[in-house]
């Protein structure tokens, strides 16, 4: 195996998918920017969740809002539901792993807040439960998925935003998710700061 050629092909695969997704996902990403920005401007907050690499993406997104992205601005209200090890382990121990996010959404979420639900397959049970809990709190949802959207696609309402990467490869989906998160952060900054 020529490892250098293989690595080059991985880069090419990622670039091709990103170019394809640029056309198909830009309207949904723009809608998510508007939704999240409206929530933040109305003193709402963003809750974010996911598992594994998607947990890291949830934390990445929350940190960009709380601190800053590429422009100086006041911190924006965001919580990654993946970071409180005591809450996560007590919920999983006392109840079930499938409710580690939904119990936090029920406790912390309010009408006008937004849940960023990240699942490459769309079938992560705890993320699905979080979406149901968000709807129960009259929150709207931005879902980042791939591979057709799985169970999450069936739960989302007309007021939610579904950003579904057109791929079945977890690695490629996660690469586009990261770019989508950066697009969200950039767009939110532009709206919040009034930048053209």
C-alpha atoms as a PDB file:
ATOM      1  CA  UNK A   1       0.000   0.000   0.000  1.00  0.00           C
ATOM      2  CA  UNK A   2       1.261   3.461  -0.902  1.00  0.00           C
ATOM      3  CA  UNK A   3       0.380   5.344   2.276  1.00  0.00           C
ATOM      4  CA  UNK A   4       1.091   8.763   0.784  1.00  0.00           C
ATOM      5  CA  UNK A   5      -1.317   8.139  -2.106  1.00  0.00           C
ATOM      6  CA  UNK A   6      -3.940   6.817   0.298  1.00  0.00           C
ATOM      7  CA  UNK A   7      -3.667   9.924   2.487  1.00  0.00           C
ATOM      8  CA  UNK A   8      -3.932  12.137  -0.590  1.00  0.00           C
ATOM      9  CA  UNK A   9      -7.101  10.273  -1.588  1.00  0.00           C
ATOM     10  CA  UNK A  10      -8.585  10.840   1.894  1.00  0.00           C
ATOM     11  CA  UNK A  11      -7.964  14.571   1.489  1.00  0.00           C
ATOM     12  CA  UNK A  12      -9.574  14.462  -1.956  1.00  0.00           C
ATOM     13  CA  UNK A  13     -12.603  12.547  -0.619  1.00  0.00           C
ATOM     14  CA  UNK A  14     -13.050  15.108   2.140  1.00  0.00           C
ATOM     15  CA  UNK A  15     -12.720  18.037  -0.268  1.00  0.00           C
ATOM     16  CA  UNK A  16     -15.220  16.500  -2.743  1.00  0.00           C
ATOM     17  CA  UNK A  17     -17.800  15.946  -0.011  1.00  0.00           C
ATOM     18  CA  UNK A  18     -17.337  19.463   1.344  1.00  0.00           C
ATOM     19  CA  UNK A  19     -17.877  20.960  -2.106  1.00  0.00           C
ATOM     20  CA  UNK A  20     -20.999  18.837  -2.611  1.00  0.00           C
ATOM     21  CA  UNK A  21     -22.273  19.741   0.857  1.00  0.00           C
ATOM     22  CA  UNK A  22     -21.596  23.452   0.280  1.00  0.00           C
ATOM     23  CA  UNK A  23     -24.409  23.537  -2.249  1.00  0.00           C
ATOM     24  CA  UNK A  24     -26.856  21.249  -0.482  1.00  0.00           C
ATOM     25  CA  UNK A  25     -26.327  22.389   3.135  1.00  0.00           C
ATOM     26  CA  UNK A  26     -25.767  26.158   2.877  1.00  0.00           C
ATOM     27  CA  UNK A  27     -29.508  27.003   3.166  1.00  0.00           C
ATOM     28  CA  UNK A  28     -29.923  24.816   6.264  1.00  0.00           C
ATOM     29  CA  UNK A  29     -26.788  26.217   7.891  1.00  0.00           C
ATOM     30  CA  UNK A  30     -28.043  29.761   7.190  1.00  0.00           C
ATOM     31  CA  UNK A  31     -31.415  28.865   8.737  1.00  0.00           C
ATOM     32  CA  UNK A  32     -29.614  27.472  11.806  1.00  0.00           C
ATOM     33  CA  UNK A  33     -27.565  30.674  12.111  1.00  0.00           C
ATOM     34  CA  UNK A  34     -30.777  32.718  12.094  1.00  0.00           C
ATOM     35  CA  UNK A  35     -32.476  30.448  14.627  1.00  0.00           C
ATOM     36  CA  UNK A  36     -29.558  30.380  17.065  1.00  0.00           C
ATOM     37  CA  UNK A  37     -28.924  34.117  16.709  1.00  0.00           C
ATOM     38  CA  UNK A  38     -32.584  34.946  17.391  1.00  0.00           C
ATOM     39  CA  UNK A  39     -32.438  32.825  20.543  1.00  0.00           C
ATOM     40  CA  UNK A  40     -29.243  34.479  21.771  1.00  0.00           C
ATOM     41  CA  UNK A  41     -30.506  37.997  21.027  1.00  0.00           C
ATOM     42  CA  UNK A  42     -33.641  37.199  23.059  1.00  0.00           C
ATOM     43  CA  UNK A  43     -31.496  36.127  26.055  1.00  0.00           C
ATOM     44  CA  UNK A  44     -31.873  32.442  25.233  1.00  0.00           C
ATOM     45  CA  UNK A  45     -29.127  29.870  25.455  1.00  0.00           C
ATOM     46  CA  UNK A  46     -27.810  27.050  23.339  1.00  0.00           C
ATOM     47  CA  UNK A  47     -27.498  23.525  24.743  1.00  0.00           C
ATOM     48  CA  UNK A  48     -25.321  21.106  22.757  1.00  0.00           C
ATOM     49  CA  UNK A  49     -24.894  17.346  22.952  1.00  0.00           C
ATOM     50  CA  UNK A  50     -23.389  14.353  21.162  1.00  0.00           C
ATOM     51  CA  UNK A  51     -21.266  11.252  21.782  1.00  0.00           C
ATOM     52  CA  UNK A  52     -17.577  10.609  21.097  1.00  0.00           C
ATOM     53  CA  UNK A  53     -16.356  12.903  18.334  1.00  0.00           C
ATOM     54  CA  UNK A  54     -19.769  14.572  18.356  1.00  0.00           C
ATOM     55  CA  UNK A  55     -19.316  15.289  22.086  1.00  0.00           C
ATOM     56  CA  UNK A  56     -16.070  17.035  21.198  1.00  0.00           C
ATOM     57  CA  UNK A  57     -17.927  19.002  18.508  1.00  0.00           C
ATOM     58  CA  UNK A  58     -20.597  20.034  21.043  1.00  0.00           C
ATOM     59  CA  UNK A  59     -17.880  21.265  23.404  1.00  0.00           C
ATOM     60  CA  UNK A  60     -16.038  23.003  20.566  1.00  0.00           C
ATOM     61  CA  UNK A  61     -19.200  24.866  19.537  1.00  0.00           C
ATOM     62  CA  UNK A  62     -20.050  25.908  23.104  1.00  0.00           C
ATOM     63  CA  UNK A  63     -16.511  27.149  23.729  1.00  0.00           C
ATOM     64  CA  UNK A  64     -16.540  29.270  20.560  1.00  0.00           C
ATOM     65  CA  UNK A  65     -19.768  30.947  21.719  1.00  0.00           C
ATOM     66  CA  UNK A  66     -18.785  31.420  25.355  1.00  0.00           C
ATOM     67  CA  UNK A  67     -15.319  32.793  24.569  1.00  0.00           C
ATOM     68  CA  UNK A  68     -15.011  34.057  21.001  1.00  0.00           C
ATOM     69  CA  UNK A  69     -14.668  32.805  17.457  1.00  0.00           C
ATOM     70  CA  UNK A  70     -12.773  35.079  15.045  1.00  0.00           C
ATOM     71  CA  UNK A  71     -14.126  38.463  16.168  1.00  0.00           C
ATOM     72  CA  UNK A  72     -14.104  40.114  19.560  1.00  0.00           C
ATOM     73  CA  UNK A  73     -17.528  40.166  21.208  1.00  0.00           C
ATOM     74  CA  UNK A  74     -19.130  39.477  24.582  1.00  0.00           C
ATOM     75  CA  UNK A  75     -19.592  35.832  25.507  1.00  0.00           C
ATOM     76  CA  UNK A  76     -22.764  34.103  24.336  1.00  0.00           C
ATOM     77  CA  UNK A  77     -24.785  31.656  26.446  1.00  0.00           C
ATOM     78  CA  UNK A  78     -23.971  28.060  25.524  1.00  0.00           C
ATOM     79  CA  UNK A  79     -23.659  24.837  27.514  1.00  0.00           C
ATOM     80  CA  UNK A  80     -22.162  21.557  26.325  1.00  0.00           C
ATOM     81  CA  UNK A  81     -24.176  18.836  28.064  1.00  0.00           C
ATOM     82  CA  UNK A  82     -21.225  16.482  27.656  1.00  0.00           C
ATOM     83  CA  UNK A  83     -18.892  18.064  30.205  1.00  0.00           C
ATOM     84  CA  UNK A  84     -20.332  17.602  33.705  1.00  0.00           C
ATOM     85  CA  UNK A  85     -18.964  14.200  34.669  1.00  0.00           C
ATOM     86  CA  UNK A  86     -20.859  14.116  37.980  1.00  0.00           C
ATOM     87  CA  UNK A  87     -24.205  14.802  36.294  1.00  0.00           C
ATOM     88  CA  UNK A  88     -23.495  12.357  33.454  1.00  0.00           C
ATOM     89  CA  UNK A  89     -22.411   9.519  35.719  1.00  0.00           C
ATOM     90  CA  UNK A  90     -25.135  10.027  38.329  1.00  0.00           C
ATOM     91  CA  UNK A  91     -27.858  10.060  35.665  1.00  0.00           C
ATOM     92  CA  UNK A  92     -26.411   7.005  33.895  1.00  0.00           C
ATOM     93  CA  UNK A  93     -26.011   5.178  37.216  1.00  0.00           C
ATOM     94  CA  UNK A  94     -29.397   6.045  38.715  1.00  0.00           C
ATOM     95  CA  UNK A  95     -31.425   5.823  35.486  1.00  0.00           C
ATOM     96  CA  UNK A  96     -29.902   4.917  32.145  1.00  0.00           C
ATOM     97  CA  UNK A  97     -27.267   6.177  29.698  1.00  0.00           C
ATOM     98  CA  UNK A  98     -30.039   6.968  27.225  1.00  0.00           C
ATOM     99  CA  UNK A  99     -31.264   9.869  29.391  1.00  0.00           C
ATOM    100  CA  UNK A 100     -27.935  11.565  30.244  1.00  0.00           C
ATOM    101  CA  UNK A 101     -28.767  14.510  27.969  1.00  0.00           C
ATOM    102  CA  UNK A 102     -32.557  14.605  28.173  1.00  0.00           C
ATOM    103  CA  UNK A 103     -32.558  15.016  31.960  1.00  0.00           C
ATOM    104  CA  UNK A 104     -30.174  17.969  31.591  1.00  0.00           C
ATOM    105  CA  UNK A 105     -32.324  19.492  28.826  1.00  0.00           C
ATOM    106  CA  UNK A 106     -35.394  19.194  31.041  1.00  0.00           C
ATOM    107  CA  UNK A 107     -33.560  20.809  33.975  1.00  0.00           C
ATOM    108  CA  UNK A 108     -31.757  23.584  32.069  1.00  0.00           C
ATOM    109  CA  UNK A 109     -33.769  24.249  28.919  1.00  0.00           C
ATOM    110  CA  UNK A 110     -36.521  26.811  28.531  1.00  0.00           C
ATOM    111  CA  UNK A 111     -38.810  28.006  25.780  1.00  0.00           C
ATOM    112  CA  UNK A 112     -36.755  30.076  23.365  1.00  0.00           C
ATOM    113  CA  UNK A 113     -33.560  28.085  23.929  1.00  0.00           C
ATOM    114  CA  UNK A 114     -32.072  25.938  21.148  1.00  0.00           C
ATOM    115  CA  UNK A 115     -30.659  22.405  21.318  1.00  0.00           C
ATOM    116  CA  UNK A 116     -27.770  21.570  18.999  1.00  0.00           C
ATOM    117  CA  UNK A 117     -28.095  17.779  18.655  1.00  0.00           C
ATOM    118  CA  UNK A 118     -25.129  16.081  16.972  1.00  0.00           C
ATOM    119  CA  UNK A 119     -25.186  12.457  15.802  1.00  0.00           C
ATOM    120  CA  UNK A 120     -23.421  11.175  12.692  1.00  0.00           C
ATOM    121  CA  UNK A 121     -25.982   8.369  12.263  1.00  0.00           C
ATOM    122  CA  UNK A 122     -28.963  10.230  13.695  1.00  0.00           C
ATOM    123  CA  UNK A 123     -29.668   7.144  15.804  1.00  0.00           C
ATOM    124  CA  UNK A 124     -27.847   7.903  19.077  1.00  0.00           C
ATOM    125  CA  UNK A 125     -30.498   7.061  21.653  1.00  0.00           C
ATOM    126  CA  UNK A 126     -29.411   9.696  24.178  1.00  0.00           C
ATOM    127  CA  UNK A 127     -29.420  12.406  21.500  1.00  0.00           C
ATOM    128  CA  UNK A 128     -32.845  11.279  20.269  1.00  0.00           C
ATOM    129  CA  UNK A 129     -34.126  11.489  23.873  1.00  0.00           C
ATOM    130  CA  UNK A 130     -32.592  14.978  24.198  1.00  0.00           C
ATOM    131  CA  UNK A 131     -34.510  16.156  21.123  1.00  0.00           C
ATOM    132  CA  UNK A 132     -37.767  14.798  22.559  1.00  0.00           C
ATOM    133  CA  UNK A 133     -37.020  16.589  25.860  1.00  0.00           C
ATOM    134  CA  UNK A 134     -36.254  19.837  24.012  1.00  0.00           C
ATOM    135  CA  UNK A 135     -39.583  19.679  22.229  1.00  0.00           C
ATOM    136  CA  UNK A 136     -41.217  19.053  25.598  1.00  0.00           C
ATOM    137  CA  UNK A 137     -39.679  22.327  26.817  1.00  0.00           C
ATOM    138  CA  UNK A 138     -40.844  24.231  23.691  1.00  0.00           C
ATOM    139  CA  UNK A 139     -37.273  24.503  22.463  1.00  0.00           C
ATOM    140  CA  UNK A 140     -36.267  24.366  18.836  1.00  0.00           C
ATOM    141  CA  UNK A 141     -33.598  21.994  17.571  1.00  0.00           C
ATOM    142  CA  UNK A 142     -30.701  22.192  15.159  1.00  0.00           C
ATOM    143  CA  UNK A 143     -29.657  18.640  14.259  1.00  0.00           C
ATOM    144  CA  UNK A 144     -26.281  17.819  12.714  1.00  0.00           C
ATOM    145  CA  UNK A 145     -26.435  14.322  11.223  1.00  0.00           C
ATOM    146  CA  UNK A 146     -25.378  12.263   8.230  1.00  0.00           C
ATOM    147  CA  UNK A 147     -26.360   9.044   6.481  1.00  0.00           C
ATOM    148  CA  UNK A 148     -29.983  10.133   5.938  1.00  0.00           C
ATOM    149  CA  UNK A 149     -30.556  11.432   9.464  1.00  0.00           C
ATOM    150  CA  UNK A 150     -31.796   8.228  11.109  1.00  0.00           C
ATOM    151  CA  UNK A 151     -34.322   8.484  13.944  1.00  0.00           C
ATOM    152  CA  UNK A 152     -33.595  12.168  14.469  1.00  0.00           C
ATOM    153  CA  UNK A 153     -34.972  13.033  11.053  1.00  0.00           C
ATOM    154  CA  UNK A 154     -38.317  11.529  12.097  1.00  0.00           C
ATOM    155  CA  UNK A 155     -38.484  13.619  15.302  1.00  0.00           C
ATOM    156  CA  UNK A 156     -37.704  17.013  13.839  1.00  0.00           C
ATOM    157  CA  UNK A 157     -40.550  19.449  13.289  1.00  0.00           C
ATOM    158  CA  UNK A 158     -41.074  22.180  10.743  1.00  0.00           C
ATOM    159  CA  UNK A 159     -39.585  24.756  13.121  1.00  0.00           C
ATOM    160  CA  UNK A 160     -36.370  22.754  13.565  1.00  0.00           C
ATOM    161  CA  UNK A 161     -33.339  22.761  11.269  1.00  0.00           C
ATOM    162  CA  UNK A 162     -31.762  19.552   9.952  1.00  0.00           C
ATOM    163  CA  UNK A 163     -28.212  19.723   8.589  1.00  0.00           C
ATOM    164  CA  UNK A 164     -27.720  16.229   7.159  1.00  0.00           C
ATOM    165  CA  UNK A 165     -24.361  15.513   5.535  1.00  0.00           C
ATOM    166  CA  UNK A 166     -24.789  13.425   2.350  1.00  0.00           C
ATOM    167  CA  UNK A 167     -22.389  10.634   3.310  1.00  0.00           C
ATOM    168  CA  UNK A 168     -22.265   7.279   5.094  1.00  0.00           C
ATOM    169  CA  UNK A 169     -18.647   7.649   6.261  1.00  0.00           C
ATOM    170  CA  UNK A 170     -18.443   8.684   9.924  1.00  0.00           C
ATOM    171  CA  UNK A 171     -15.070  10.374   9.417  1.00  0.00           C
ATOM    172  CA  UNK A 172     -16.234  12.390   6.400  1.00  0.00           C
ATOM    173  CA  UNK A 173     -19.503  13.331   8.156  1.00  0.00           C
ATOM    174  CA  UNK A 174     -17.583  14.574  11.194  1.00  0.00           C
ATOM    175  CA  UNK A 175     -15.261  16.628   8.973  1.00  0.00           C
ATOM    176  CA  UNK A 176     -18.248  18.390   7.436  1.00  0.00           C
ATOM    177  CA  UNK A 177     -19.839  18.801  10.878  1.00  0.00           C
ATOM    178  CA  UNK A 178     -16.763  20.703  12.032  1.00  0.00           C
ATOM    179  CA  UNK A 179     -16.929  22.987   8.996  1.00  0.00           C
ATOM    180  CA  UNK A 180     -20.662  23.502   9.578  1.00  0.00           C
ATOM    181  CA  UNK A 181     -19.950  24.431  13.213  1.00  0.00           C
ATOM    182  CA  UNK A 182     -17.403  27.008  12.072  1.00  0.00           C
ATOM    183  CA  UNK A 183     -19.959  28.361   9.579  1.00  0.00           C
ATOM    184  CA  UNK A 184     -22.501  28.621  12.405  1.00  0.00           C
ATOM    185  CA  UNK A 185     -20.029  30.494  14.601  1.00  0.00           C
ATOM    186  CA  UNK A 186     -19.068  32.861  11.794  1.00  0.00           C
ATOM    187  CA  UNK A 187     -22.700  33.562  10.898  1.00  0.00           C
ATOM    188  CA  UNK A 188     -23.739  34.076  14.514  1.00  0.00           C
ATOM    189  CA  UNK A 189     -20.925  36.589  14.996  1.00  0.00           C
ATOM    190  CA  UNK A 190     -21.979  38.448  11.852  1.00  0.00           C
ATOM    191  CA  UNK A 191     -25.586  38.737  13.032  1.00  0.00           C
ATOM    192  CA  UNK A 192     -24.775  39.518  16.658  1.00  0.00           C
ATOM    193  CA  UNK A 193     -22.189  42.147  15.709  1.00  0.00           C
ATOM    194  CA  UNK A 194     -24.043  43.483  12.652  1.00  0.00           C
ATOM    195  CA  UNK A 195     -21.184  42.614  10.286  1.00  0.00           C
ATOM    196  CA  UNK A 196     -21.984  42.459   6.550  1.00  0.00           C
END
